[in-house]
Structure formats: C-alpha cells, structure tokens
PDB file of N, CA and C in Angstrom:
ATOM      1  N   UNK A   1      13.845  12.770   5.140  1.00  0.00           N
ATOM      2  CA  UNK A   1      13.420  12.867   3.769  1.00  0.00           C
ATOM      3  C   UNK A   1      13.629  11.519   3.085  1.00  0.00           C
ATOM      4  N   UNK A   2      12.695  11.118   2.306  1.00  0.00           N
ATOM      5  CA  UNK A   2      12.750   9.819   1.644  1.00  0.00           C
ATOM      6  C   UNK A   2      13.920   9.744   0.668  1.00  0.00           C
ATOM      7  N   UNK A   3      14.841   8.817   0.915  1.00  0.00           N
ATOM      8  CA  UNK A   3      15.919   8.514  -0.016  1.00  0.00           C
ATOM      9  C   UNK A   3      16.684   9.725  -0.517  1.00  0.00           C
ATOM     10  N   UNK A   4      16.758  10.780   0.283  1.00  0.00           N
ATOM     11  CA  UNK A   4      17.467  11.963  -0.170  1.00  0.00           C
ATOM     12  C   UNK A   4      18.959  11.736  -0.118  1.00  0.00           C
ATOM     13  N   UNK A   5      19.628  11.966  -1.218  1.00  0.00           N
ATOM     14  CA  UNK A   5      21.073  11.891  -1.270  1.00  0.00           C
ATOM     15  C   UNK A   5      21.601  13.237  -0.778  1.00  0.00           C
ATOM     16  N   UNK A   6      22.537  13.238   0.167  1.00  0.00           N
ATOM     17  CA  UNK A   6      23.054  14.514   0.667  1.00  0.00           C
ATOM     18  C   UNK A   6      23.626  15.358  -0.463  1.00  0.00           C
ATOM     19  N   UNK A   7      23.471  16.647  -0.325  1.00  0.00           N
ATOM     20  CA  UNK A   7      23.963  17.579  -1.332  1.00  0.00           C
ATOM     21  C   UNK A   7      25.129  18.374  -0.771  1.00  0.00           C
ATOM     22  N   UNK A   8      26.101  18.628  -1.606  1.00  0.00           N
ATOM     23  CA  UNK A   8      27.187  19.502  -1.205  1.00  0.00           C
ATOM     24  C   UNK A   8      26.702  20.930  -1.363  1.00  0.00           C
ATOM     25  N   UNK A   9      27.194  21.808  -0.528  1.00  0.00           N
ATOM     26  CA  UNK A   9      26.755  23.200  -0.560  1.00  0.00           C
ATOM     27  C   UNK A   9      26.924  23.779  -1.958  1.00  0.00           C
ATOM     28  N   UNK A  10      25.818  24.271  -2.497  1.00  0.00           N
ATOM     29  CA  UNK A  10      25.838  24.956  -3.776  1.00  0.00           C
ATOM     30  C   UNK A  10      25.714  24.076  -4.999  1.00  0.00           C
ATOM     31  N   UNK A  11      25.927  22.768  -4.891  1.00  0.00           N
ATOM     32  CA  UNK A  11      25.863  21.899  -6.063  1.00  0.00           C
ATOM     33  C   UNK A  11      25.279  20.547  -5.695  1.00  0.00           C
ATOM     34  N   UNK A  12      24.405  20.029  -6.525  1.00  0.00           N
ATOM     35  CA  UNK A  12      23.911  18.672  -6.278  1.00  0.00           C
ATOM     36  C   UNK A  12      25.055  17.677  -6.417  1.00  0.00           C
ATOM     37  N   UNK A  13      25.054  16.621  -5.607  1.00  0.00           N
ATOM     38  CA  UNK A  13      26.073  15.584  -5.727  1.00  0.00           C
ATOM     39  C   UNK A  13      25.571  14.436  -6.589  1.00  0.00           C
ATOM     40  N   UNK A  14      24.384  14.570  -7.134  1.00  0.00           N
ATOM     41  CA  UNK A  14      23.825  13.519  -7.959  1.00  0.00           C
ATOM     42  C   UNK A  14      23.779  13.996  -9.402  1.00  0.00           C
ATOM     43  N   UNK A  15      23.654  13.065 -10.328  1.00  0.00           N
ATOM     44  CA  UNK A  15      23.557  13.423 -11.731  1.00  0.00           C
ATOM     45  C   UNK A  15      22.129  13.156 -12.179  1.00  0.00           C
ATOM     46  N   UNK A  16      21.302  14.161 -12.129  1.00  0.00           N
ATOM     47  CA  UNK A  16      19.904  14.020 -12.530  1.00  0.00           C
ATOM     48  C   UNK A  16      19.653  14.738 -13.847  1.00  0.00           C
ATOM     49  N   UNK A  17      20.676  14.873 -14.641  1.00  0.00           N
ATOM     50  CA  UNK A  17      20.520  15.541 -15.922  1.00  0.00           C
ATOM     51  C   UNK A  17      20.747  17.034 -15.788  1.00  0.00           C
ATOM     52  N   UNK A  18      20.679  17.705 -16.896  1.00  0.00           N
ATOM     53  CA  UNK A  18      20.983  19.131 -16.941  1.00  0.00           C
ATOM     54  C   UNK A  18      20.061  19.977 -16.078  1.00  0.00           C
ATOM     55  N   UNK A  19      18.828  19.574 -15.907  1.00  0.00           N
ATOM     56  CA  UNK A  19      17.872  20.391 -15.162  1.00  0.00           C
ATOM     57  C   UNK A  19      18.336  20.638 -13.738  1.00  0.00           C
ATOM     58  N   UNK A  20      18.539  19.607 -12.948  1.00  0.00           N
ATOM     59  CA  UNK A  20      18.964  19.794 -11.559  1.00  0.00           C
ATOM     60  C   UNK A  20      20.432  20.188 -11.463  1.00  0.00           C
ATOM     61  N   UNK A  21      21.251  19.717 -12.391  1.00  0.00           N
ATOM     62  CA  UNK A  21      22.667  20.064 -12.368  1.00  0.00           C
ATOM     63  C   UNK A  21      22.897  21.554 -12.584  1.00  0.00           C
ATOM     64  N   UNK A  22      21.972  22.217 -13.247  1.00  0.00           N
ATOM     65  CA  UNK A  22      22.151  23.636 -13.545  1.00  0.00           C
ATOM     66  C   UNK A  22      21.693  24.546 -12.408  1.00  0.00           C
ATOM     67  N   UNK A  23      21.126  23.969 -11.347  1.00  0.00           N
ATOM     68  CA  UNK A  23      20.600  24.756 -10.227  1.00  0.00           C
ATOM     69  C   UNK A  23      21.517  24.657  -9.018  1.00  0.00           C
ATOM     70  N   UNK A  24      21.401  25.638  -8.131  1.00  0.00           N
ATOM     71  CA  UNK A  24      22.207  25.612  -6.915  1.00  0.00           C
ATOM     72  C   UNK A  24      21.319  25.304  -5.721  1.00  0.00           C
ATOM     73  N   UNK A  25      21.795  24.360  -4.909  1.00  0.00           N
ATOM     74  CA  UNK A  25      21.112  23.910  -3.703  1.00  0.00           C
ATOM     75  C   UNK A  25      22.027  24.142  -2.505  1.00  0.00           C
ATOM     76  N   UNK A  26      21.426  24.293  -1.327  1.00  0.00           N
ATOM     77  CA  UNK A  26      22.248  24.370  -0.115  1.00  0.00           C
ATOM     78  C   UNK A  26      22.577  22.957   0.353  1.00  0.00           C
ATOM     79  N   UNK A  27      23.257  22.849   1.485  1.00  0.00           N
ATOM     80  CA  UNK A  27      23.689  21.537   1.969  1.00  0.00           C
ATOM     81  C   UNK A  27      22.539  20.637   2.405  1.00  0.00           C
ATOM     82  N   UNK A  28      21.328  21.187   2.545  1.00  0.00           N
ATOM     83  CA  UNK A  28      20.163  20.388   2.929  1.00  0.00           C
ATOM     84  C   UNK A  28      19.253  20.086   1.742  1.00  0.00           C
ATOM     85  N   UNK A  29      19.662  20.506   0.562  1.00  0.00           N
ATOM     86  CA  UNK A  29      18.892  20.212  -0.640  1.00  0.00           C
ATOM     87  C   UNK A  29      17.821  21.224  -0.983  1.00  0.00           C
ATOM     88  N   UNK A  30      17.837  22.391  -0.337  1.00  0.00           N
ATOM     89  CA  UNK A  30      16.876  23.444  -0.650  1.00  0.00           C
ATOM     90  C   UNK A  30      17.441  24.333  -1.754  1.00  0.00           C
ATOM     91  N   UNK A  31      16.584  24.735  -2.686  1.00  0.00           N
ATOM     92  CA  UNK A  31      17.017  25.650  -3.735  1.00  0.00           C
ATOM     93  C   UNK A  31      17.497  26.953  -3.113  1.00  0.00           C
ATOM     94  N   UNK A  32      18.600  27.463  -3.609  1.00  0.00           N
ATOM     95  CA  UNK A  32      19.095  28.739  -3.093  1.00  0.00           C
ATOM     96  C   UNK A  32      18.244  29.903  -3.588  1.00  0.00           C
ATOM     97  N   UNK A  33      17.704  29.786  -4.801  1.00  0.00           N
ATOM     98  CA  UNK A  33      16.875  30.859  -5.362  1.00  0.00           C
ATOM     99  C   UNK A  33      15.505  30.296  -5.730  1.00  0.00           C
ATOM    100  N   UNK A  34      14.463  30.638  -4.961  1.00  0.00           N
ATOM    101  CA  UNK A  34      13.125  30.114  -5.259  1.00  0.00           C
ATOM    102  C   UNK A  34      12.616  30.491  -6.654  1.00  0.00           C
ATOM    103  N   UNK A  35      13.199  31.525  -7.250  1.00  0.00           N
ATOM    104  CA  UNK A  35      12.790  31.920  -8.596  1.00  0.00           C
ATOM    105  C   UNK A  35      13.259  30.932  -9.664  1.00  0.00           C
ATOM    106  N   UNK A  36      14.184  30.045  -9.309  1.00  0.00           N
ATOM    107  CA  UNK A  36      14.645  29.007 -10.240  1.00  0.00           C
ATOM    108  C   UNK A  36      13.641  27.867 -10.355  1.00  0.00           C
ATOM    109  N   UNK A  37      12.640  27.844  -9.464  1.00  0.00           N
ATOM    110  CA  UNK A  37      11.691  26.745  -9.409  1.00  0.00           C
ATOM    111  C   UNK A  37      10.748  26.751 -10.607  1.00  0.00           C
ATOM    112  N   UNK A  38      10.491  25.573 -11.130  1.00  0.00           N
ATOM    113  CA  UNK A  38       9.448  25.340 -12.135  1.00  0.00           C
ATOM    114  C   UNK A  38       8.776  24.028 -11.765  1.00  0.00           C
ATOM    115  N   UNK A  39       7.679  23.726 -12.392  1.00  0.00           N
ATOM    116  CA  UNK A  39       7.028  22.442 -12.147  1.00  0.00           C
ATOM    117  C   UNK A  39       7.934  21.289 -12.565  1.00  0.00           C
ATOM    118  N   UNK A  40       8.753  21.504 -13.596  1.00  0.00           N
ATOM    119  CA  UNK A  40       9.691  20.467 -14.023  1.00  0.00           C
ATOM    120  C   UNK A  40      10.760  20.225 -12.955  1.00  0.00           C
ATOM    121  N   UNK A  41      11.223  21.299 -12.318  1.00  0.00           N
ATOM    122  CA  UNK A  41      12.193  21.164 -11.231  1.00  0.00           C
ATOM    123  C   UNK A  41      11.564  20.377 -10.086  1.00  0.00           C
ATOM    124  N   UNK A  42      10.328  20.706  -9.736  1.00  0.00           N
ATOM    125  CA  UNK A  42       9.633  19.991  -8.664  1.00  0.00           C
ATOM    126  C   UNK A  42       9.544  18.503  -8.985  1.00  0.00           C
ATOM    127  N   UNK A  43       9.167  18.183 -10.208  1.00  0.00           N
ATOM    128  CA  UNK A  43       9.041  16.782 -10.609  1.00  0.00           C
ATOM    129  C   UNK A  43      10.393  16.069 -10.534  1.00  0.00           C
ATOM    130  N   UNK A  44      11.466  16.739 -10.925  1.00  0.00           N
ATOM    131  CA  UNK A  44      12.798  16.136 -10.890  1.00  0.00           C
ATOM    132  C   UNK A  44      13.252  15.892  -9.443  1.00  0.00           C
ATOM    133  N   UNK A  45      13.000  16.860  -8.551  1.00  0.00           N
ATOM    134  CA  UNK A  45      13.365  16.682  -7.138  1.00  0.00           C
ATOM    135  C   UNK A  45      12.574  15.520  -6.541  1.00  0.00           C
ATOM    136  N   UNK A  46      11.288  15.472  -6.829  1.00  0.00           N
ATOM    137  CA  UNK A  46      10.441  14.396  -6.295  1.00  0.00           C
ATOM    138  C   UNK A  46      10.924  13.030  -6.773  1.00  0.00           C
ATOM    139  N   UNK A  47      11.243  12.914  -8.044  1.00  0.00           N
ATOM    140  CA  UNK A  47      11.734  11.639  -8.574  1.00  0.00           C
ATOM    141  C   UNK A  47      13.062  11.280  -7.913  1.00  0.00           C
ATOM    142  N   UNK A  48      13.939  12.250  -7.801  1.00  0.00           N
ATOM    143  CA  UNK A  48      15.251  12.005  -7.193  1.00  0.00           C
ATOM    144  C   UNK A  48      15.121  11.535  -5.747  1.00  0.00           C
ATOM    145  N   UNK A  49      14.190  12.130  -4.998  1.00  0.00           N
ATOM    146  CA  UNK A  49      14.041  11.819  -3.579  1.00  0.00           C
ATOM    147  C   UNK A  49      13.164  10.605  -3.310  1.00  0.00           C
ATOM    148  N   UNK A  50      12.709   9.931  -4.356  1.00  0.00           N
ATOM    149  CA  UNK A  50      11.953   8.702  -4.177  1.00  0.00           C
ATOM    150  C   UNK A  50      10.461   8.890  -3.969  1.00  0.00           C
ATOM    151  N   UNK A  51       9.954  10.102  -4.179  1.00  0.00           N
ATOM    152  CA  UNK A  51       8.515  10.361  -4.057  1.00  0.00           C
ATOM    153  C   UNK A  51       7.784   9.772  -5.259  1.00  0.00           C
ATOM    154  N   UNK A  52       8.443   9.785  -6.394  1.00  0.00           N
ATOM    155  CA  UNK A  52       7.847   9.274  -7.621  1.00  0.00           C
ATOM    156  C   UNK A  52       7.179  10.382  -8.410  1.00  0.00           C
ATOM    157  N   UNK A  53       6.343   9.991  -9.327  1.00  0.00           N
ATOM    158  CA  UNK A  53       5.636  10.934 -10.186  1.00  0.00           C
ATOM    159  C   UNK A  53       4.627  11.734  -9.363  1.00  0.00           C
ATOM    160  N   UNK A  54       4.641  13.049  -9.542  1.00  0.00           N
ATOM    161  CA  UNK A  54       3.720  13.910  -8.795  1.00  0.00           C
ATOM    162  C   UNK A  54       2.318  13.846  -9.391  1.00  0.00           C
ATOM    163  N   UNK A  55       1.356  13.598  -8.518  1.00  0.00           N
ATOM    164  CA  UNK A  55      -0.044  13.495  -8.917  1.00  0.00           C
ATOM    165  C   UNK A  55      -0.816  14.741  -8.461  1.00  0.00           C
ATOM    166  N   UNK A  56      -2.084  14.794  -8.772  1.00  0.00           N
ATOM    167  CA  UNK A  56      -2.922  15.946  -8.447  1.00  0.00           C
ATOM    168  C   UNK A  56      -2.836  16.332  -6.961  1.00  0.00           C
ATOM    169  N   UNK A  57      -2.895  15.363  -6.076  1.00  0.00           N
ATOM    170  CA  UNK A  57      -2.856  15.659  -4.641  1.00  0.00           C
ATOM    171  C   UNK A  57      -1.507  16.225  -4.218  1.00  0.00           C
ATOM    172  N   UNK A  58      -0.432  15.744  -4.831  1.00  0.00           N
ATOM    173  CA  UNK A  58       0.883  16.332  -4.556  1.00  0.00           C
ATOM    174  C   UNK A  58       0.870  17.811  -4.942  1.00  0.00           C
ATOM    175  N   UNK A  59       0.372  18.077  -6.156  1.00  0.00           N
ATOM    176  CA  UNK A  59       0.392  19.455  -6.663  1.00  0.00           C
ATOM    177  C   UNK A  59      -0.467  20.384  -5.806  1.00  0.00           C
ATOM    178  N   UNK A  60      -1.571  19.880  -5.284  1.00  0.00           N
ATOM    179  CA  UNK A  60      -2.404  20.706  -4.404  1.00  0.00           C
ATOM    180  C   UNK A  60      -1.575  21.224  -3.233  1.00  0.00           C
ATOM    181  N   UNK A  61      -0.823  20.342  -2.600  1.00  0.00           N
ATOM    182  CA  UNK A  61      -0.009  20.731  -1.446  1.00  0.00           C
ATOM    183  C   UNK A  61       1.165  21.611  -1.865  1.00  0.00           C
ATOM    184  N   UNK A  62       1.850  21.235  -2.931  1.00  0.00           N
ATOM    185  CA  UNK A  62       3.022  21.984  -3.394  1.00  0.00           C
ATOM    186  C   UNK A  62       2.645  23.419  -3.752  1.00  0.00           C
ATOM    187  N   UNK A  63       1.601  23.572  -4.540  1.00  0.00           N
ATOM    188  CA  UNK A  63       1.205  24.911  -4.986  1.00  0.00           C
ATOM    189  C   UNK A  63       0.644  25.742  -3.837  1.00  0.00           C
ATOM    190  N   UNK A  64      -0.065  25.104  -2.897  1.00  0.00           N
ATOM    191  CA  UNK A  64      -0.582  25.832  -1.744  1.00  0.00           C
ATOM    192  C   UNK A  64       0.558  26.375  -0.884  1.00  0.00           C
ATOM    193  N   UNK A  65       1.521  25.515  -0.540  1.00  0.00           N
ATOM    194  CA  UNK A  65       2.602  25.952   0.341  1.00  0.00           C
ATOM    195  C   UNK A  65       3.485  26.992  -0.347  1.00  0.00           C
ATOM    196  N   UNK A  66       3.694  26.833  -1.631  1.00  0.00           N
ATOM    197  CA  UNK A  66       4.502  27.806  -2.374  1.00  0.00           C
ATOM    198  C   UNK A  66       3.803  29.161  -2.419  1.00  0.00           C
ATOM    199  N   UNK A  67       2.514  29.155  -2.727  1.00  0.00           N
ATOM    200  CA  UNK A  67       1.758  30.404  -2.777  1.00  0.00           C
ATOM    201  C   UNK A  67       1.734  31.077  -1.405  1.00  0.00           C
ATOM    202  N   UNK A  68       1.483  30.290  -0.392  1.00  0.00           N
ATOM    203  CA  UNK A  68       1.399  30.834   0.969  1.00  0.00           C
ATOM    204  C   UNK A  68       2.719  31.481   1.389  1.00  0.00           C
ATOM    205  N   UNK A  69       3.815  30.796   1.116  1.00  0.00           N
ATOM    206  CA  UNK A  69       5.120  31.335   1.500  1.00  0.00           C
ATOM    207  C   UNK A  69       5.473  32.588   0.691  1.00  0.00           C
ATOM    208  N   UNK A  70       5.283  32.530  -0.621  1.00  0.00           N
ATOM    209  CA  UNK A  70       5.675  33.659  -1.464  1.00  0.00           C
ATOM    210  C   UNK A  70       4.787  34.889  -1.243  1.00  0.00           C
ATOM    211  N   UNK A  71       3.520  34.673  -0.914  1.00  0.00           N
ATOM    212  CA  UNK A  71       2.615  35.806  -0.658  1.00  0.00           C
ATOM    213  C   UNK A  71       2.788  36.380   0.736  1.00  0.00           C
ATOM    214  N   UNK A  72       2.911  35.500   1.736  1.00  0.00           N
ATOM    215  CA  UNK A  72       2.895  35.949   3.123  1.00  0.00           C
ATOM    216  C   UNK A  72       4.239  35.815   3.836  1.00  0.00           C
ATOM    217  N   UNK A  73       5.173  35.083   3.241  1.00  0.00           N
ATOM    218  CA  UNK A  73       6.452  34.857   3.892  1.00  0.00           C
ATOM    219  C   UNK A  73       6.333  33.977   5.118  1.00  0.00           C
ATOM    220  N   UNK A  74       5.273  33.170   5.160  1.00  0.00           N
ATOM    221  CA  UNK A  74       5.005  32.358   6.352  1.00  0.00           C
ATOM    222  C   UNK A  74       4.993  30.876   5.997  1.00  0.00           C
ATOM    223  N   UNK A  75       5.372  30.087   6.973  1.00  0.00           N
ATOM    224  CA  UNK A  75       5.313  28.638   6.852  1.00  0.00           C
ATOM    225  C   UNK A  75       4.010  28.196   7.511  1.00  0.00           C
ATOM    226  N   UNK A  76       3.077  27.675   6.722  1.00  0.00           N
ATOM    227  CA  UNK A  76       1.809  27.267   7.348  1.00  0.00           C
ATOM    228  C   UNK A  76       1.983  26.039   8.232  1.00  0.00           C
ATOM    229  N   UNK A  77       1.335  26.028   9.387  1.00  0.00           N
ATOM    230  CA  UNK A  77       1.349  24.809  10.213  1.00  0.00           C
ATOM    231  C   UNK A  77       0.740  23.650   9.414  1.00  0.00           C
ATOM    232  N   UNK A  78       1.129  22.431   9.755  1.00  0.00           N
ATOM    233  CA  UNK A  78       0.649  21.264   9.002  1.00  0.00           C
ATOM    234  C   UNK A  78      -0.877  21.227   8.948  1.00  0.00           C
ATOM    235  N   UNK A  79      -1.548  21.634  10.024  1.00  0.00           N
ATOM    236  CA  UNK A  79      -3.014  21.645  10.026  1.00  0.00           C
ATOM    237  C   UNK A  79      -3.537  22.556   8.916  1.00  0.00           C
ATOM    238  N   UNK A  80      -2.936  23.749   8.793  1.00  0.00           N
ATOM    239  CA  UNK A  80      -3.362  24.684   7.746  1.00  0.00           C
ATOM    240  C   UNK A  80      -2.952  24.190   6.366  1.00  0.00           C
ATOM    241  N   UNK A  81      -1.804  23.559   6.284  1.00  0.00           N
ATOM    242  CA  UNK A  81      -1.360  23.010   5.008  1.00  0.00           C
ATOM    243  C   UNK A  81      -2.328  21.939   4.531  1.00  0.00           C
ATOM    244  N   UNK A  82      -2.717  21.066   5.432  1.00  0.00           N
ATOM    245  CA  UNK A  82      -3.668  20.011   5.073  1.00  0.00           C
ATOM    246  C   UNK A  82      -5.021  20.603   4.692  1.00  0.00           C
ATOM    247  N   UNK A  83      -5.517  21.510   5.509  1.00  0.00           N
ATOM    248  CA  UNK A  83      -6.814  22.128   5.233  1.00  0.00           C
ATOM    249  C   UNK A  83      -6.778  22.891   3.904  1.00  0.00           C
ATOM    250  N   UNK A  84      -5.725  23.682   3.694  1.00  0.00           N
ATOM    251  CA  UNK A  84      -5.621  24.502   2.484  1.00  0.00           C
ATOM    252  C   UNK A  84      -5.433  23.697   1.216  1.00  0.00           C
ATOM    253  N   UNK A  85      -4.827  22.522   1.333  1.00  0.00           N
ATOM    254  CA  UNK A  85      -4.601  21.701   0.149  1.00  0.00           C
ATOM    255  C   UNK A  85      -5.631  20.588   0.010  1.00  0.00           C
ATOM    256  N   UNK A  86      -6.550  20.499   0.973  1.00  0.00           N
ATOM    257  CA  UNK A  86      -7.610  19.497   0.891  1.00  0.00           C
ATOM    258  C   UNK A  86      -7.161  18.083   1.225  1.00  0.00           C
ATOM    259  N   UNK A  87      -6.065  17.948   1.973  1.00  0.00           N
ATOM    260  CA  UNK A  87      -5.547  16.625   2.327  1.00  0.00           C
ATOM    261  C   UNK A  87      -5.697  16.371   3.822  1.00  0.00           C
ATOM    262  N   UNK A  88      -5.895  15.122   4.173  1.00  0.00           N
ATOM    263  CA  UNK A  88      -5.864  14.714   5.571  1.00  0.00           C
ATOM    264  C   UNK A  88      -4.395  14.596   5.991  1.00  0.00           C
ATOM    265  N   UNK A  89      -4.135  14.754   7.279  1.00  0.00           N
ATOM    266  CA  UNK A  89      -2.760  14.715   7.779  1.00  0.00           C
ATOM    267  C   UNK A  89      -2.041  13.407   7.392  1.00  0.00           C
ATOM    268  N   UNK A  90      -2.690  12.288   7.575  1.00  0.00           N
ATOM    269  CA  UNK A  90      -2.073  10.996   7.247  1.00  0.00           C
ATOM    270  C   UNK A  90      -1.834  10.862   5.741  1.00  0.00           C
ATOM    271  N   UNK A  91      -2.753  11.384   4.963  1.00  0.00           N
ATOM    272  CA  UNK A  91      -2.596  11.348   3.508  1.00  0.00           C
ATOM    273  C   UNK A  91      -1.388  12.188   3.094  1.00  0.00           C
ATOM    274  N   UNK A  92      -1.245  13.354   3.724  1.00  0.00           N
ATOM    275  CA  UNK A  92      -0.104  14.224   3.454  1.00  0.00           C
ATOM    276  C   UNK A  92       1.201  13.501   3.768  1.00  0.00           C
ATOM    277  N   UNK A  93       1.262  12.865   4.936  1.00  0.00           N
ATOM    278  CA  UNK A  93       2.478  12.148   5.340  1.00  0.00           C
ATOM    279  C   UNK A  93       2.781  10.993   4.393  1.00  0.00           C
ATOM    280  N   UNK A  94       1.737  10.329   3.917  1.00  0.00           N
ATOM    281  CA  UNK A  94       1.943   9.225   2.979  1.00  0.00           C
ATOM    282  C   UNK A  94       2.485   9.745   1.643  1.00  0.00           C
ATOM    283  N   UNK A  95       2.009  10.889   1.205  1.00  0.00           N
ATOM    284  CA  UNK A  95       2.447  11.463  -0.066  1.00  0.00           C
ATOM    285  C   UNK A  95       3.883  11.966  -0.015  1.00  0.00           C
ATOM    286  N   UNK A  96       4.246  12.643   1.084  1.00  0.00           N
ATOM    287  CA  UNK A  96       5.542  13.323   1.149  1.00  0.00           C
ATOM    288  C   UNK A  96       6.490  12.799   2.217  1.00  0.00           C
ATOM    289  N   UNK A  97       5.988  12.209   3.255  1.00  0.00           N
ATOM    290  CA  UNK A  97       6.841  11.766   4.341  1.00  0.00           C
ATOM    291  C   UNK A  97       7.070  12.830   5.393  1.00  0.00           C
ATOM    292  N   UNK A  98       7.349  14.050   4.976  1.00  0.00           N
ATOM    293  CA  UNK A  98       7.610  15.126   5.933  1.00  0.00           C
ATOM    294  C   UNK A  98       7.298  16.478   5.308  1.00  0.00           C
ATOM    295  N   UNK A  99       7.160  17.464   6.170  1.00  0.00           N
ATOM    296  CA  UNK A  99       6.964  18.843   5.698  1.00  0.00           C
ATOM    297  C   UNK A  99       8.207  19.337   4.980  1.00  0.00           C
ATOM    298  N   UNK A 100       9.380  18.910   5.453  1.00  0.00           N
ATOM    299  CA  UNK A 100      10.624  19.341   4.814  1.00  0.00           C
ATOM    300  C   UNK A 100      10.661  18.904   3.352  1.00  0.00           C
ATOM    301  N   UNK A 101      10.145  17.713   3.075  1.00  0.00           N
ATOM    302  CA  UNK A 101      10.163  17.206   1.698  1.00  0.00           C
ATOM    303  C   UNK A 101       9.292  18.057   0.782  1.00  0.00           C
ATOM    304  N   UNK A 102       8.082  18.375   1.196  1.00  0.00           N
ATOM    305  CA  UNK A 102       7.231  19.199   0.346  1.00  0.00           C
ATOM    306  C   UNK A 102       7.826  20.603   0.209  1.00  0.00           C
ATOM    307  N   UNK A 103       8.470  21.085   1.253  1.00  0.00           N
ATOM    308  CA  UNK A 103       9.116  22.401   1.214  1.00  0.00           C
ATOM    309  C   UNK A 103      10.221  22.410   0.156  1.00  0.00           C
ATOM    310  N   UNK A 104      11.026  21.346   0.125  1.00  0.00           N
ATOM    311  CA  UNK A 104      12.096  21.241  -0.877  1.00  0.00           C
ATOM    312  C   UNK A 104      11.525  21.130  -2.289  1.00  0.00           C
ATOM    313  N   UNK A 105      10.519  20.284  -2.449  1.00  0.00           N
ATOM    314  CA  UNK A 105       9.921  20.090  -3.774  1.00  0.00           C
ATOM    315  C   UNK A 105       9.275  21.385  -4.260  1.00  0.00           C
ATOM    316  N   UNK A 106       8.736  22.168  -3.338  1.00  0.00           N
ATOM    317  CA  UNK A 106       8.120  23.452  -3.690  1.00  0.00           C
ATOM    318  C   UNK A 106       9.161  24.510  -4.027  1.00  0.00           C
ATOM    319  N   UNK A 107      10.437  24.183  -3.876  1.00  0.00           N
ATOM    320  CA  UNK A 107      11.498  25.096  -4.284  1.00  0.00           C
ATOM    321  C   UNK A 107      11.717  26.266  -3.354  1.00  0.00           C
ATOM    322  N   UNK A 108      11.340  26.102  -2.096  1.00  0.00           N
ATOM    323  CA  UNK A 108      11.469  27.193  -1.141  1.00  0.00           C
ATOM    324  C   UNK A 108      12.807  27.112  -0.422  1.00  0.00           C
ATOM    325  N   UNK A 109      13.317  28.261   0.039  1.00  0.00           N
ATOM    326  CA  UNK A 109      14.636  28.260   0.674  1.00  0.00           C
ATOM    327  C   UNK A 109      14.621  27.595   2.042  1.00  0.00           C
ATOM    328  N   UNK A 110      15.801  27.283   2.516  1.00  0.00           N
ATOM    329  CA  UNK A 110      15.964  26.680   3.836  1.00  0.00           C
ATOM    330  C   UNK A 110      15.266  27.552   4.874  1.00  0.00           C
ATOM    331  N   UNK A 111      14.330  26.981   5.640  1.00  0.00           N
ATOM    332  CA  UNK A 111      13.597  27.773   6.630  1.00  0.00           C
ATOM    333  C   UNK A 111      14.384  28.035   7.911  1.00  0.00           C
ATOM    334  N   UNK A 112      15.579  27.495   8.021  1.00  0.00           N
ATOM    335  CA  UNK A 112      16.390  27.673   9.214  1.00  0.00           C
ATOM    336  C   UNK A 112      16.408  26.412  10.051  1.00  0.00           C
ATOM    337  N   UNK A 113      17.430  26.300  10.875  1.00  0.00           N
ATOM    338  CA  UNK A 113      17.656  25.064  11.625  1.00  0.00           C
ATOM    339  C   UNK A 113      16.497  24.677  12.540  1.00  0.00           C
ATOM    340  N   UNK A 114      15.975  25.622  13.326  1.00  0.00           N
ATOM    341  CA  UNK A 114      14.892  25.297  14.252  1.00  0.00           C
ATOM    342  C   UNK A 114      13.662  24.770  13.523  1.00  0.00           C
ATOM    343  N   UNK A 115      13.256  25.479  12.491  1.00  0.00           N
ATOM    344  CA  UNK A 115      12.053  25.071  11.746  1.00  0.00           C
ATOM    345  C   UNK A 115      12.331  23.791  10.975  1.00  0.00           C
ATOM    346  N   UNK A 116      13.505  23.681  10.379  1.00  0.00           N
ATOM    347  CA  UNK A 116      13.870  22.469   9.632  1.00  0.00           C
ATOM    348  C   UNK A 116      13.796  21.241  10.537  1.00  0.00           C
ATOM    349  N   UNK A 117      14.294  21.347  11.765  1.00  0.00           N
ATOM    350  CA  UNK A 117      14.232  20.215  12.696  1.00  0.00           C
ATOM    351  C   UNK A 117      12.790  19.874  13.052  1.00  0.00           C
ATOM    352  N   UNK A 118      11.948  20.861  13.177  1.00  0.00           N
ATOM    353  CA  UNK A 118      10.526  20.647  13.491  1.00  0.00           C
ATOM    354  C   UNK A 118       9.800  20.001  12.317  1.00  0.00           C
ATOM    355  N   UNK A 119      10.263  20.247  11.086  1.00  0.00           N
ATOM    356  CA  UNK A 119       9.613  19.727   9.884  1.00  0.00           C
ATOM    357  C   UNK A 119       9.847  18.238   9.684  1.00  0.00           C
ATOM    358  N   UNK A 120      10.843  17.685  10.333  1.00  0.00           N
ATOM    359  CA  UNK A 120      11.198  16.269  10.093  1.00  0.00           C
ATOM    360  C   UNK A 120      10.163  15.376  10.631  1.00  0.00           C
TER     361      UNK A 120
END
C-alpha cells in the first residue's frame, strides 16, 4: 500500500483529525465497521495513504467494489473490477497501486490473510 502508516489494532496511529481518529481500524488499516464509511472517510484514507485527491475514476472503482461487496458479499477479480468500473488494469494500478488499497478506501472489512496477500 502506498505510504501506509501501520495502524495499531482498533485505533489509527496517525493524527488525521477527528474524522479518522473517531473510527476503529484493524491492524491492517481496514475499517472494522463498513457502516462507518462515508465519502469523506474514503477521501481522508486516500490522502493519508498518499493516493491524493480522489477523482472521478477513483470513485468509479471505489463505488463499484463497495456495491459489489455489500450486495453480493464477493470480492470481484481485478478483471471484473476493471471492467465494472470502466478502467484498464494498468490505469487501475496507477490510481491505487493495489487491490488492497482500493478495498481499504472503500471501507470494506479485512478480507482475510489469504485474500489480503493476493491483493498486494
């Protein structure tokens, strides 16, 4: 993940203002409760992790993966993520760096060790 500062279990170790400080994250930086997610939270995580300001193409991927997971409980393969969000694979990697990063920004819970390792 780009410039991600490690998080202590349950609390961010960084001071990103009241927004992120008021939320609980696991040790890998995933929100513990996806219902805490807002677009403002996504923007704060992206800024903190060095992604920068989220643009239209970022939001296409973020909203697609969030909708897909919350509706179906499934993690879309990168091919489906790219197709569903209208991005080319290289463009996706340039925007986020990894699937894990977009997963975190989308406010989704830790997908588990095996999947997390595959997302890197």
